[in-house]
Amino acid sequence: MKLFDASPTFFAFLLGHILAMEVLAWLLIYLLGPGWVPSALAAFILAISQAQSWCLQHDLGHASIFKKSRWNHVAQKFVMGQLKGFSAHWWNFRHFQHHAKPNIFHKDPDVTVAPVFLLGESSVEYGKKKRRYLPYNQQHLYFFLIGPPLLTLVNFEVENLAYMLVCMQWADLLWAASFYARFFLSYLPFYGVPGVLLFFVAVRVLESHWFVWITQMNHIPKEIGHEKHRDWVSSQLAATCNVEPSLFTNWFSGHLNFQIEHQCQHTLPTPSLFPRMPRHNYSRVAPLVKSLCAKHGLSYEVKPFLTALVDIVRSLKKSGDIWLDAYLHQ
């Protein structure tokens, strides 16, 4: 079916529209000046560009664009470093753990977020042990203050820099430095030092909202806990779900709405359904995966887009209520 063949046109368009948004944002400030309205619009456009860069580097990290792994890795360094200011090695270090053991405490860094947030089985554990570092029964509320706004700006920036220094990833550090040099040299003449820093923070905060909502809508509402030692496909399906496709959702999420198909493929030498399949083919392979799940009695869950987003908050509230009940009565 040629589902492993990447479309050069598709990925060239992705890179092209990312670069076009970078240029458009700069032209807005150049032509209209650094007022509040042009700045807000430019920050919004740059945040979309940064979000799409996350998606493109993610494709490259899975070696799903070029036939040779080396070309994927070199291109990922460019996208992750020059276009985003992060380390490709750092991302792969985190992301491969996630794919190997999704939603497993201390093995998937994406859900090892206690004591800030309690997810899944950690709610009962913290409640029984009478641990109360934060008002966890209100975590679905303070999530809006410290979750989506700060993940990329604070957690990722600090963790990324520490990784590059501790692991001596000097090439990645130079790539990241090239991003900051380009960004600040491009906007410093318009804003000055305080203004360009504020502009950068605005872009990162907007981008961070996209990252948290889009990457977690498939995972946080699902089963989260300790190792269950299931077979490969069952463990992936227990930890993820799909979101109904549309042209907008496919583009906006980087096809992560086909999370089931994506979770069952990655680049590590472990069993998988579709290693390195380019994401524009997920919609074509989805019926095959769905029929496989039906054959073996496995759940293949698909949600509407807005429902998937709301379910993140519902899941946090449920976990907080479970913690409170265990804290008070056990």
C-alpha atoms as a PDB file:
ATOM      1  CA  MET A   1       0.000   0.000   0.000  1.00  0.00           C
ATOM      2  CA  LYS A   2       3.112   2.248   0.089  1.00  0.00           C
ATOM      3  CA  LEU A   3       2.096   3.607   3.500  1.00  0.00           C
ATOM      4  CA  PHE A   4       5.731   3.926   4.527  1.00  0.00           C
ATOM      5  CA  ASP A   5       6.498   6.295   1.644  1.00  0.00           C
ATOM      6  CA  ALA A   6       6.770   9.921   2.736  1.00  0.00           C
ATOM      7  CA  SER A   7       5.388  12.664   0.504  1.00  0.00           C
ATOM      8  CA  PRO A   8       8.110  15.261  -0.251  1.00  0.00           C
ATOM      9  CA  THR A   9       5.401  17.761  -1.197  1.00  0.00           C
ATOM     10  CA  PHE A  10       3.611  17.348   2.140  1.00  0.00           C
ATOM     11  CA  PHE A  11       6.697  17.921   4.269  1.00  0.00           C
ATOM     12  CA  ALA A  12       8.051  20.675   2.003  1.00  0.00           C
ATOM     13  CA  PHE A  13       4.749  22.491   2.518  1.00  0.00           C
ATOM     14  CA  LEU A  14       5.058  22.064   6.293  1.00  0.00           C
ATOM     15  CA  LEU A  15       8.532  23.578   6.364  1.00  0.00           C
ATOM     16  CA  GLY A  16       7.514  26.277   3.888  1.00  0.00           C
ATOM     17  CA  HIS A  17       4.519  27.460   5.870  1.00  0.00           C
ATOM     18  CA  ILE A  18       6.603  27.521   9.066  1.00  0.00           C
ATOM     19  CA  LEU A  19       9.198  29.777   7.417  1.00  0.00           C
ATOM     20  CA  ALA A  20       6.449  31.895   5.849  1.00  0.00           C
ATOM     21  CA  MET A  21       4.896  32.551   9.265  1.00  0.00           C
ATOM     22  CA  GLU A  22       8.308  33.553  10.659  1.00  0.00           C
ATOM     23  CA  VAL A  23       8.718  36.094   7.847  1.00  0.00           C
ATOM     24  CA  LEU A  24       5.119  37.318   8.140  1.00  0.00           C
ATOM     25  CA  ALA A  25       5.473  37.998  11.869  1.00  0.00           C
ATOM     26  CA  TRP A  26       8.620  40.058  11.296  1.00  0.00           C
ATOM     27  CA  LEU A  27       7.021  41.992   8.428  1.00  0.00           C
ATOM     28  CA  LEU A  28       4.058  42.903  10.638  1.00  0.00           C
ATOM     29  CA  ILE A  29       6.348  44.595  13.144  1.00  0.00           C
ATOM     30  CA  TYR A  30       8.541  46.111  10.422  1.00  0.00           C
ATOM     31  CA  LEU A  31       5.624  47.612   8.504  1.00  0.00           C
ATOM     32  CA  LEU A  32       3.148  48.437  11.290  1.00  0.00           C
ATOM     33  CA  GLY A  33       5.524  49.130  14.179  1.00  0.00           C
ATOM     34  CA  PRO A  34       5.786  47.550  17.649  1.00  0.00           C
ATOM     35  CA  GLY A  35       2.338  48.563  18.869  1.00  0.00           C
ATOM     36  CA  TRP A  36       0.138  46.320  20.972  1.00  0.00           C
ATOM     37  CA  VAL A  37      -2.049  45.072  18.123  1.00  0.00           C
ATOM     38  CA  PRO A  38       0.760  44.229  15.660  1.00  0.00           C
ATOM     39  CA  SER A  39       2.807  42.701  18.488  1.00  0.00           C
ATOM     40  CA  ALA A  40      -0.074  40.534  19.701  1.00  0.00           C
ATOM     41  CA  LEU A  41      -0.786  39.362  16.155  1.00  0.00           C
ATOM     42  CA  ALA A  42       2.899  38.679  15.468  1.00  0.00           C
ATOM     43  CA  ALA A  43       3.233  36.728  18.732  1.00  0.00           C
ATOM     44  CA  PHE A  44       0.191  34.646  17.808  1.00  0.00           C
ATOM     45  CA  ILE A  45       1.616  33.864  14.359  1.00  0.00           C
ATOM     46  CA  LEU A  46       5.015  32.968  15.829  1.00  0.00           C
ATOM     47  CA  ALA A  47       3.332  30.698  18.394  1.00  0.00           C
ATOM     48  CA  ILE A  48       1.604  28.819  15.567  1.00  0.00           C
ATOM     49  CA  SER A  49       4.930  28.585  13.747  1.00  0.00           C
ATOM     50  CA  GLN A  50       6.585  27.229  16.879  1.00  0.00           C
ATOM     51  CA  ALA A  51       3.777  24.699  17.350  1.00  0.00           C
ATOM     52  CA  GLN A  52       4.131  23.476  13.773  1.00  0.00           C
ATOM     53  CA  SER A  53       7.901  23.274  14.273  1.00  0.00           C
ATOM     54  CA  TRP A  54       7.264  20.938  17.214  1.00  0.00           C
ATOM     55  CA  CYS A  55       5.275  18.732  14.845  1.00  0.00           C
ATOM     56  CA  LEU A  56       7.902  18.760  12.096  1.00  0.00           C
ATOM     57  CA  GLN A  57      10.813  17.969  14.414  1.00  0.00           C
ATOM     58  CA  HIS A  58       8.673  15.215  15.929  1.00  0.00           C
ATOM     59  CA  ASP A  59       8.309  13.647  12.474  1.00  0.00           C
ATOM     60  CA  LEU A  60      12.063  13.877  11.967  1.00  0.00           C
ATOM     61  CA  GLY A  61      12.752  12.387  15.404  1.00  0.00           C
ATOM     62  CA  HIS A  62      10.697   9.366  14.378  1.00  0.00           C
ATOM     63  CA  ALA A  63      12.742   9.133  11.162  1.00  0.00           C
ATOM     64  CA  SER A  64       9.551   9.228   9.107  1.00  0.00           C
ATOM     65  CA  ILE A  65      10.533  11.738   6.395  1.00  0.00           C
ATOM     66  CA  PHE A  66      13.843  10.696   4.834  1.00  0.00           C
ATOM     67  CA  LYS A  67      14.814   7.148   3.971  1.00  0.00           C
ATOM     68  CA  LYS A  68      18.187   7.496   5.693  1.00  0.00           C
ATOM     69  CA  SER A  69      18.112   7.958   9.457  1.00  0.00           C
ATOM     70  CA  ARG A  70      21.069  10.337   9.364  1.00  0.00           C
ATOM     71  CA  TRP A  71      19.217  12.798   7.158  1.00  0.00           C
ATOM     72  CA  ASN A  72      16.286  12.781   9.578  1.00  0.00           C
ATOM     73  CA  HIS A  73      18.572  13.419  12.539  1.00  0.00           C
ATOM     74  CA  VAL A  74      20.457  16.261  10.824  1.00  0.00           C
ATOM     75  CA  ALA A  75      17.198  17.900   9.727  1.00  0.00           C
ATOM     76  CA  GLN A  76      15.792  17.496  13.246  1.00  0.00           C
ATOM     77  CA  LYS A  77      18.787  19.358  14.667  1.00  0.00           C
ATOM     78  CA  PHE A  78      18.055  22.249  12.308  1.00  0.00           C
ATOM     79  CA  VAL A  79      14.322  22.400  13.067  1.00  0.00           C
ATOM     80  CA  MET A  80      14.674  21.829  16.808  1.00  0.00           C
ATOM     81  CA  GLY A  81      17.752  24.042  17.173  1.00  0.00           C
ATOM     82  CA  GLN A  82      17.541  26.879  14.653  1.00  0.00           C
ATOM     83  CA  LEU A  83      13.739  27.145  14.448  1.00  0.00           C
ATOM     84  CA  LYS A  84      12.925  26.427  18.112  1.00  0.00           C
ATOM     85  CA  GLY A  85      15.991  26.883  20.336  1.00  0.00           C
ATOM     86  CA  PHE A  86      15.899  23.388  21.853  1.00  0.00           C
ATOM     87  CA  SER A  87      18.085  20.279  21.771  1.00  0.00           C
ATOM     88  CA  ALA A  88      17.125  17.394  19.485  1.00  0.00           C
ATOM     89  CA  HIS A  89      18.983  14.963  21.756  1.00  0.00           C
ATOM     90  CA  TRP A  90      17.042  16.225  24.789  1.00  0.00           C
ATOM     91  CA  TRP A  91      13.721  15.768  23.000  1.00  0.00           C
ATOM     92  CA  ASN A  92      14.538  12.262  21.813  1.00  0.00           C
ATOM     93  CA  PHE A  93      15.758  11.289  25.301  1.00  0.00           C
ATOM     94  CA  ARG A  94      12.371  12.274  26.760  1.00  0.00           C
ATOM     95  CA  HIS A  95      10.204  11.176  23.890  1.00  0.00           C
ATOM     96  CA  PHE A  96      11.571   7.667  23.408  1.00  0.00           C
ATOM     97  CA  GLN A  97      10.930   6.953  27.095  1.00  0.00           C
ATOM     98  CA  HIS A  98       7.355   8.097  26.593  1.00  0.00           C
ATOM     99  CA  HIS A  99       6.863   5.791  23.623  1.00  0.00           C
ATOM    100  CA  ALA A 100       8.466   2.812  25.322  1.00  0.00           C
ATOM    101  CA  LYS A 101       6.263   3.055  28.432  1.00  0.00           C
ATOM    102  CA  PRO A 102       3.386   5.522  27.915  1.00  0.00           C
ATOM    103  CA  ASN A 103       1.558   6.628  31.061  1.00  0.00           C
ATOM    104  CA  ILE A 104       3.816   4.517  33.321  1.00  0.00           C
ATOM    105  CA  PHE A 105       5.131   6.327  36.405  1.00  0.00           C
ATOM    106  CA  HIS A 106       8.905   6.899  36.534  1.00  0.00           C
ATOM    107  CA  LYS A 107       9.250   5.499  33.003  1.00  0.00           C
ATOM    108  CA  ASP A 108       7.235   8.067  31.061  1.00  0.00           C
ATOM    109  CA  PRO A 109       8.443  11.591  31.965  1.00  0.00           C
ATOM    110  CA  ASP A 110       5.233  13.106  30.589  1.00  0.00           C
ATOM    111  CA  VAL A 111       3.142  11.711  33.464  1.00  0.00           C
ATOM    112  CA  THR A 112       5.767  11.743  36.234  1.00  0.00           C
ATOM    113  CA  VAL A 113       4.549  15.137  37.433  1.00  0.00           C
ATOM    114  CA  ALA A 114       3.892  14.559  41.145  1.00  0.00           C
ATOM    115  CA  PRO A 115       3.928  16.353  43.563  1.00  0.00           C
ATOM    116  CA  VAL A 116       2.683  19.247  41.411  1.00  0.00           C
ATOM    117  CA  PHE A 117      -0.165  17.269  39.820  1.00  0.00           C
ATOM    118  CA  LEU A 118      -1.573  13.870  40.796  1.00  0.00           C
ATOM    119  CA  LEU A 119      -2.556  11.612  37.938  1.00  0.00           C
ATOM    120  CA  GLY A 120      -4.088   8.150  37.972  1.00  0.00           C
ATOM    121  CA  GLU A 121      -2.865   5.829  40.713  1.00  0.00           C
ATOM    122  CA  SER A 122      -0.754   8.522  42.404  1.00  0.00           C
ATOM    123  CA  SER A 123      -3.990  10.094  43.702  1.00  0.00           C
ATOM    124  CA  VAL A 124      -4.745   7.115  45.937  1.00  0.00           C
ATOM    125  CA  GLU A 125      -1.115   6.688  46.982  1.00  0.00           C
ATOM    126  CA  TYR A 126      -0.739  10.312  48.086  1.00  0.00           C
ATOM    127  CA  GLY A 127      -4.101  10.225  49.839  1.00  0.00           C
ATOM    128  CA  LYS A 128      -3.350   7.079  51.834  1.00  0.00           C
ATOM    129  CA  LYS A 129       0.051   8.429  52.860  1.00  0.00           C
ATOM    130  CA  LYS A 130      -1.542  11.753  53.903  1.00  0.00           C
ATOM    131  CA  ARG A 131       0.661  13.752  51.543  1.00  0.00           C
ATOM    132  CA  ARG A 132      -0.606  17.265  50.881  1.00  0.00           C
ATOM    133  CA  TYR A 133       1.977  19.495  49.236  1.00  0.00           C
ATOM    134  CA  LEU A 134      -0.719  21.339  47.270  1.00  0.00           C
ATOM    135  CA  PRO A 135      -4.530  21.459  47.371  1.00  0.00           C
ATOM    136  CA  TYR A 136      -4.876  18.585  44.923  1.00  0.00           C
ATOM    137  CA  ASN A 137      -8.654  18.655  45.049  1.00  0.00           C
ATOM    138  CA  GLN A 138      -8.266  22.026  43.283  1.00  0.00           C
ATOM    139  CA  GLN A 139      -5.622  20.923  40.783  1.00  0.00           C
ATOM    140  CA  HIS A 140      -8.076  21.202  37.890  1.00  0.00           C
ATOM    141  CA  LEU A 141      -8.180  24.924  38.686  1.00  0.00           C
ATOM    142  CA  TYR A 142      -4.512  25.734  39.309  1.00  0.00           C
ATOM    143  CA  PHE A 143      -3.721  23.693  36.215  1.00  0.00           C
ATOM    144  CA  PHE A 144      -4.791  26.746  34.195  1.00  0.00           C
ATOM    145  CA  LEU A 145      -2.243  28.912  36.049  1.00  0.00           C
ATOM    146  CA  ILE A 146       0.869  26.739  35.995  1.00  0.00           C
ATOM    147  CA  GLY A 147       0.182  24.010  33.423  1.00  0.00           C
ATOM    148  CA  PRO A 148      -0.458  25.326  29.911  1.00  0.00           C
ATOM    149  CA  PRO A 149       1.148  28.764  30.451  1.00  0.00           C
ATOM    150  CA  LEU A 150       4.472  27.651  31.929  1.00  0.00           C
ATOM    151  CA  LEU A 151       5.446  24.206  30.634  1.00  0.00           C
ATOM    152  CA  THR A 152       7.476  25.372  27.646  1.00  0.00           C
ATOM    153  CA  LEU A 153       8.567  28.712  29.107  1.00  0.00           C
ATOM    154  CA  VAL A 154       9.849  27.385  32.431  1.00  0.00           C
ATOM    155  CA  ASN A 155      10.093  23.593  32.630  1.00  0.00           C
ATOM    156  CA  PHE A 156      11.269  22.872  29.100  1.00  0.00           C
ATOM    157  CA  GLU A 157      13.676  25.809  28.913  1.00  0.00           C
ATOM    158  CA  VAL A 158      15.398  24.868  32.183  1.00  0.00           C
ATOM    159  CA  GLU A 159      15.378  21.114  31.563  1.00  0.00           C
ATOM    160  CA  ASN A 160      16.628  21.554  28.003  1.00  0.00           C
ATOM    161  CA  LEU A 161      19.548  23.797  28.993  1.00  0.00           C
ATOM    162  CA  ALA A 162      20.508  21.532  31.901  1.00  0.00           C
ATOM    163  CA  TYR A 163      20.484  18.493  29.600  1.00  0.00           C
ATOM    164  CA  MET A 164      22.745  20.128  27.032  1.00  0.00           C
ATOM    165  CA  LEU A 165      25.237  21.220  29.694  1.00  0.00           C
ATOM    166  CA  VAL A 166      25.270  18.039  31.765  1.00  0.00           C
ATOM    167  CA  CYS A 167      25.385  15.746  28.728  1.00  0.00           C
ATOM    168  CA  MET A 168      27.820  18.060  26.915  1.00  0.00           C
ATOM    169  CA  GLN A 169      25.710  18.358  23.784  1.00  0.00           C
ATOM    170  CA  TRP A 170      27.737  21.279  22.470  1.00  0.00           C
ATOM    171  CA  ALA A 171      26.484  21.021  18.879  1.00  0.00           C
ATOM    172  CA  ASP A 172      22.881  21.236  20.109  1.00  0.00           C
ATOM    173  CA  LEU A 173      23.848  24.186  22.307  1.00  0.00           C
ATOM    174  CA  LEU A 174      25.207  26.018  19.274  1.00  0.00           C
ATOM    175  CA  TRP A 175      22.064  25.253  17.294  1.00  0.00           C
ATOM    176  CA  ALA A 176      19.908  26.595  20.144  1.00  0.00           C
ATOM    177  CA  ALA A 177      22.123  29.684  20.453  1.00  0.00           C
ATOM    178  CA  SER A 178      21.582  30.366  16.742  1.00  0.00           C
ATOM    179  CA  PHE A 179      17.828  30.516  17.347  1.00  0.00           C
ATOM    180  CA  TYR A 180      18.160  33.045  20.163  1.00  0.00           C
ATOM    181  CA  ALA A 181      20.657  35.122  18.179  1.00  0.00           C
ATOM    182  CA  ARG A 182      18.280  35.255  15.203  1.00  0.00           C
ATOM    183  CA  PHE A 183      15.219  36.006  17.317  1.00  0.00           C
ATOM    184  CA  PHE A 184      16.746  38.777  19.403  1.00  0.00           C
ATOM    185  CA  LEU A 185      18.647  40.388  16.516  1.00  0.00           C
ATOM    186  CA  SER A 186      15.435  40.385  14.461  1.00  0.00           C
ATOM    187  CA  TYR A 187      13.263  42.081  17.080  1.00  0.00           C
ATOM    188  CA  LEU A 188      15.727  44.016  19.266  1.00  0.00           C
ATOM    189  CA  PRO A 189      15.721  47.082  16.968  1.00  0.00           C
ATOM    190  CA  PHE A 190      11.943  47.401  17.366  1.00  0.00           C
ATOM    191  CA  TYR A 191      11.508  46.696  21.079  1.00  0.00           C
ATOM    192  CA  GLY A 192      14.772  47.178  22.941  1.00  0.00           C
ATOM    193  CA  VAL A 193      15.961  44.641  25.503  1.00  0.00           C
ATOM    194  CA  PRO A 194      12.963  44.680  27.920  1.00  0.00           C
ATOM    195  CA  GLY A 195      10.458  44.681  25.064  1.00  0.00           C
ATOM    196  CA  VAL A 196      12.030  41.823  23.135  1.00  0.00           C
ATOM    197  CA  LEU A 197      12.197  39.725  26.312  1.00  0.00           C
ATOM    198  CA  LEU A 198       8.496  40.354  26.924  1.00  0.00           C
ATOM    199  CA  PHE A 199       7.742  39.511  23.289  1.00  0.00           C
ATOM    200  CA  PHE A 200       9.687  36.255  23.579  1.00  0.00           C
ATOM    201  CA  VAL A 201       7.836  35.301  26.766  1.00  0.00           C
ATOM    202  CA  ALA A 202       4.500  35.990  25.070  1.00  0.00           C
ATOM    203  CA  VAL A 203       5.373  33.659  22.191  1.00  0.00           C
ATOM    204  CA  ARG A 204       6.537  30.896  24.532  1.00  0.00           C
ATOM    205  CA  VAL A 205       3.420  31.150  26.740  1.00  0.00           C
ATOM    206  CA  LEU A 206       1.095  30.935  23.726  1.00  0.00           C
ATOM    207  CA  GLU A 207       3.107  28.051  22.297  1.00  0.00           C
ATOM    208  CA  SER A 208       3.030  26.296  25.666  1.00  0.00           C
ATOM    209  CA  HIS A 209      -0.756  26.345  25.704  1.00  0.00           C
ATOM    210  CA  TRP A 210      -0.800  24.544  22.372  1.00  0.00           C
ATOM    211  CA  PHE A 211       1.755  21.974  23.538  1.00  0.00           C
ATOM    212  CA  VAL A 212      -0.030  21.009  26.758  1.00  0.00           C
ATOM    213  CA  TRP A 213      -3.553  20.778  25.375  1.00  0.00           C
ATOM    214  CA  ILE A 214      -2.658  19.009  22.135  1.00  0.00           C
ATOM    215  CA  THR A 215      -0.118  16.510  23.469  1.00  0.00           C
ATOM    216  CA  GLN A 216      -2.089  15.597  26.587  1.00  0.00           C
ATOM    217  CA  MET A 217      -5.642  15.339  25.236  1.00  0.00           C
ATOM    218  CA  ASN A 218      -4.879  11.749  24.205  1.00  0.00           C
ATOM    219  CA  HIS A 219      -3.093  10.647  27.381  1.00  0.00           C
ATOM    220  CA  ILE A 220      -4.077  12.299  30.677  1.00  0.00           C
ATOM    221  CA  PRO A 221      -7.705  11.074  30.576  1.00  0.00           C
ATOM    222  CA  LYS A 222      -6.507   7.493  30.036  1.00  0.00           C
ATOM    223  CA  GLU A 223      -5.077   4.895  32.438  1.00  0.00           C
ATOM    224  CA  ILE A 224      -2.008   6.196  34.320  1.00  0.00           C
ATOM    225  CA  GLY A 225      -0.121   4.172  36.885  1.00  0.00           C
ATOM    226  CA  HIS A 226       2.621   1.662  37.536  1.00  0.00           C
ATOM    227  CA  GLU A 227       3.908  -1.027  35.197  1.00  0.00           C
ATOM    228  CA  LYS A 228       1.275  -3.625  34.275  1.00  0.00           C
ATOM    229  CA  HIS A 229       3.514  -5.759  32.010  1.00  0.00           C
ATOM    230  CA  ARG A 230       0.966  -5.985  29.219  1.00  0.00           C
ATOM    231  CA  ASP A 231       1.735  -6.927  25.633  1.00  0.00           C
ATOM    232  CA  TRP A 232       2.882  -4.078  23.398  1.00  0.00           C
ATOM    233  CA  VAL A 233      -0.356  -3.139  21.608  1.00  0.00           C
ATOM    234  CA  SER A 234      -2.545  -3.490  24.708  1.00  0.00           C
ATOM    235  CA  SER A 235      -0.244  -1.245  26.749  1.00  0.00           C
ATOM    236  CA  GLN A 236      -0.332   1.430  24.036  1.00  0.00           C
ATOM    237  CA  LEU A 237      -4.123   1.319  23.669  1.00  0.00           C
ATOM    238  CA  ALA A 238      -4.658   1.550  27.429  1.00  0.00           C
ATOM    239  CA  ALA A 239      -2.661   4.797  27.461  1.00  0.00           C
ATOM    240  CA  THR A 240      -4.116   6.660  24.516  1.00  0.00           C
ATOM    241  CA  CYS A 241      -7.128   7.486  22.359  1.00  0.00           C
ATOM    242  CA  ASN A 242      -7.834   9.196  19.048  1.00  0.00           C
ATOM    243  CA  VAL A 243      -9.565  12.488  18.292  1.00  0.00           C
ATOM    244  CA  GLU A 244     -11.994  12.812  15.408  1.00  0.00           C
ATOM    245  CA  PRO A 245     -10.148  13.911  12.261  1.00  0.00           C
ATOM    246  CA  SER A 246     -10.775  17.022  10.187  1.00  0.00           C
ATOM    247  CA  LEU A 247      -8.559  19.152   7.983  1.00  0.00           C
ATOM    248  CA  PHE A 248      -8.125  21.658  10.825  1.00  0.00           C
ATOM    249  CA  THR A 249      -7.572  19.097  13.580  1.00  0.00           C
ATOM    250  CA  ASN A 250      -5.095  17.119  11.481  1.00  0.00           C
ATOM    251  CA  TRP A 251      -3.068  20.262  10.759  1.00  0.00           C
ATOM    252  CA  PHE A 252      -3.396  21.904  14.162  1.00  0.00           C
ATOM    253  CA  SER A 253      -2.402  18.772  16.090  1.00  0.00           C
ATOM    254  CA  GLY A 254       0.256  17.594  13.675  1.00  0.00           C
ATOM    255  CA  HIS A 255      -1.853  14.460  13.125  1.00  0.00           C
ATOM    256  CA  LEU A 256      -1.496  13.590  16.821  1.00  0.00           C
ATOM    257  CA  ASN A 257      -5.256  13.151  16.762  1.00  0.00           C
ATOM    258  CA  PHE A 258      -4.340   9.745  15.267  1.00  0.00           C
ATOM    259  CA  GLN A 259      -2.570   8.964  18.507  1.00  0.00           C
ATOM    260  CA  ILE A 260      -3.384   5.248  18.523  1.00  0.00           C
ATOM    261  CA  GLU A 261      -1.720   4.761  15.143  1.00  0.00           C
ATOM    262  CA  HIS A 262       1.173   6.925  16.252  1.00  0.00           C
ATOM    263  CA  GLN A 263       1.693   5.260  19.624  1.00  0.00           C
ATOM    264  CA  CYS A 264       1.932   1.896  17.959  1.00  0.00           C
ATOM    265  CA  GLN A 265       4.915   3.053  15.920  1.00  0.00           C
ATOM    266  CA  HIS A 266       8.294   4.467  16.878  1.00  0.00           C
ATOM    267  CA  THR A 267      11.991   4.147  16.154  1.00  0.00           C
ATOM    268  CA  LEU A 268      13.197   2.096  19.101  1.00  0.00           C
ATOM    269  CA  PRO A 269      14.139  -1.567  18.585  1.00  0.00           C
ATOM    270  CA  THR A 270      11.043  -2.921  20.311  1.00  0.00           C
ATOM    271  CA  PRO A 271       7.887  -4.500  18.841  1.00  0.00           C
ATOM    272  CA  SER A 272       5.710  -2.034  16.947  1.00  0.00           C
ATOM    273  CA  LEU A 273       3.014  -1.961  14.303  1.00  0.00           C
ATOM    274  CA  PHE A 274       4.240   0.772  11.973  1.00  0.00           C
ATOM    275  CA  PRO A 275       7.767   2.043  12.608  1.00  0.00           C
ATOM    276  CA  ARG A 276       8.581   5.259  10.726  1.00  0.00           C
ATOM    277  CA  MET A 277       5.221   5.620   8.996  1.00  0.00           C
ATOM    278  CA  PRO A 278       4.786   9.269   7.886  1.00  0.00           C
ATOM    279  CA  ARG A 279       1.831  10.889   9.571  1.00  0.00           C
ATOM    280  CA  HIS A 280      -0.034  11.819   6.393  1.00  0.00           C
ATOM    281  CA  ASN A 281      -0.751   8.082   6.009  1.00  0.00           C
ATOM    282  CA  TYR A 282      -2.285   7.590   9.464  1.00  0.00           C
ATOM    283  CA  SER A 283      -5.804   8.147   8.135  1.00  0.00           C
ATOM    284  CA  ARG A 284      -5.273   5.376   5.591  1.00  0.00           C
ATOM    285  CA  VAL A 285      -3.938   2.850   8.097  1.00  0.00           C
ATOM    286  CA  ALA A 286      -6.489   3.732  10.815  1.00  0.00           C
ATOM    287  CA  PRO A 287      -9.214   1.361   9.494  1.00  0.00           C
ATOM    288  CA  LEU A 288      -6.704  -1.508   9.586  1.00  0.00           C
ATOM    289  CA  VAL A 289      -5.750  -0.726  13.183  1.00  0.00           C
ATOM    290  CA  LYS A 290      -9.407  -0.407  14.161  1.00  0.00           C
ATOM    291  CA  SER A 291     -10.221  -3.804  12.652  1.00  0.00           C
ATOM    292  CA  LEU A 292      -7.228  -5.345  14.446  1.00  0.00           C
ATOM    293  CA  CYS A 293      -8.523  -3.966  17.760  1.00  0.00           C
ATOM    294  CA  ALA A 294     -12.019  -5.305  17.066  1.00  0.00           C
ATOM    295  CA  LYS A 295     -10.599  -8.731  16.226  1.00  0.00           C
ATOM    296  CA  HIS A 296      -8.812  -8.971  19.579  1.00  0.00           C
ATOM    297  CA  GLY A 297     -11.424  -7.220  21.716  1.00  0.00           C
ATOM    298  CA  LEU A 298      -9.338  -4.110  22.358  1.00  0.00           C
ATOM    299  CA  SER A 299     -10.814  -0.659  22.883  1.00  0.00           C
ATOM    300  CA  TYR A 300     -10.310   1.794  20.007  1.00  0.00           C
ATOM    301  CA  GLU A 301     -11.564   5.076  21.454  1.00  0.00           C
ATOM    302  CA  VAL A 302     -12.247   8.152  19.308  1.00  0.00           C
ATOM    303  CA  LYS A 303     -13.460  11.465  20.779  1.00  0.00           C
ATOM    304  CA  PRO A 304     -14.600  14.834  19.423  1.00  0.00           C
ATOM    305  CA  PHE A 305     -11.857  17.459  19.611  1.00  0.00           C
ATOM    306  CA  LEU A 306     -13.478  19.686  22.245  1.00  0.00           C
ATOM    307  CA  THR A 307     -14.469  16.676  24.358  1.00  0.00           C
ATOM    308  CA  ALA A 308     -10.850  15.517  24.379  1.00  0.00           C
ATOM    309  CA  LEU A 309      -9.720  18.927  25.658  1.00  0.00           C
ATOM    310  CA  VAL A 310     -12.403  19.092  28.354  1.00  0.00           C
ATOM    311  CA  ASP A 311     -11.558  15.552  29.449  1.00  0.00           C
ATOM    312  CA  ILE A 312      -8.115  16.753  30.565  1.00  0.00           C
ATOM    313  CA  VAL A 313      -9.737  19.010  33.150  1.00  0.00           C
ATOM    314  CA  ARG A 314     -12.302  16.359  34.101  1.00  0.00           C
ATOM    315  CA  SER A 315      -9.515  13.839  34.651  1.00  0.00           C
ATOM    316  CA  LEU A 316      -7.572  16.241  36.868  1.00  0.00           C
ATOM    317  CA  LYS A 317     -10.698  16.938  38.927  1.00  0.00           C
ATOM    318  CA  LYS A 318     -11.443  13.221  39.251  1.00  0.00           C
ATOM    319  CA  SER A 319      -7.903  12.495  40.426  1.00  0.00           C
ATOM    320  CA  GLY A 320      -8.102  15.364  42.919  1.00  0.00           C
ATOM    321  CA  ASP A 321     -11.401  14.092  44.315  1.00  0.00           C
ATOM    322  CA  ILE A 322      -9.967  10.577  44.658  1.00  0.00           C
ATOM    323  CA  TRP A 323      -6.969  12.005  46.528  1.00  0.00           C
ATOM    324  CA  LEU A 324      -9.222  13.972  48.895  1.00  0.00           C
ATOM    325  CA  ASP A 325     -11.404  10.947  49.617  1.00  0.00           C
ATOM    326  CA  ALA A 326      -8.367   8.760  50.366  1.00  0.00           C
ATOM    327  CA  TYR A 327      -6.784  11.554  52.407  1.00  0.00           C
ATOM    328  CA  LEU A 328      -9.843  11.993  54.620  1.00  0.00           C
ATOM    329  CA  HIS A 329     -11.101   8.442  54.996  1.00  0.00           C
ATOM    330  CA  GLN A 330      -8.218   5.980  54.668  1.00  0.00           C
END
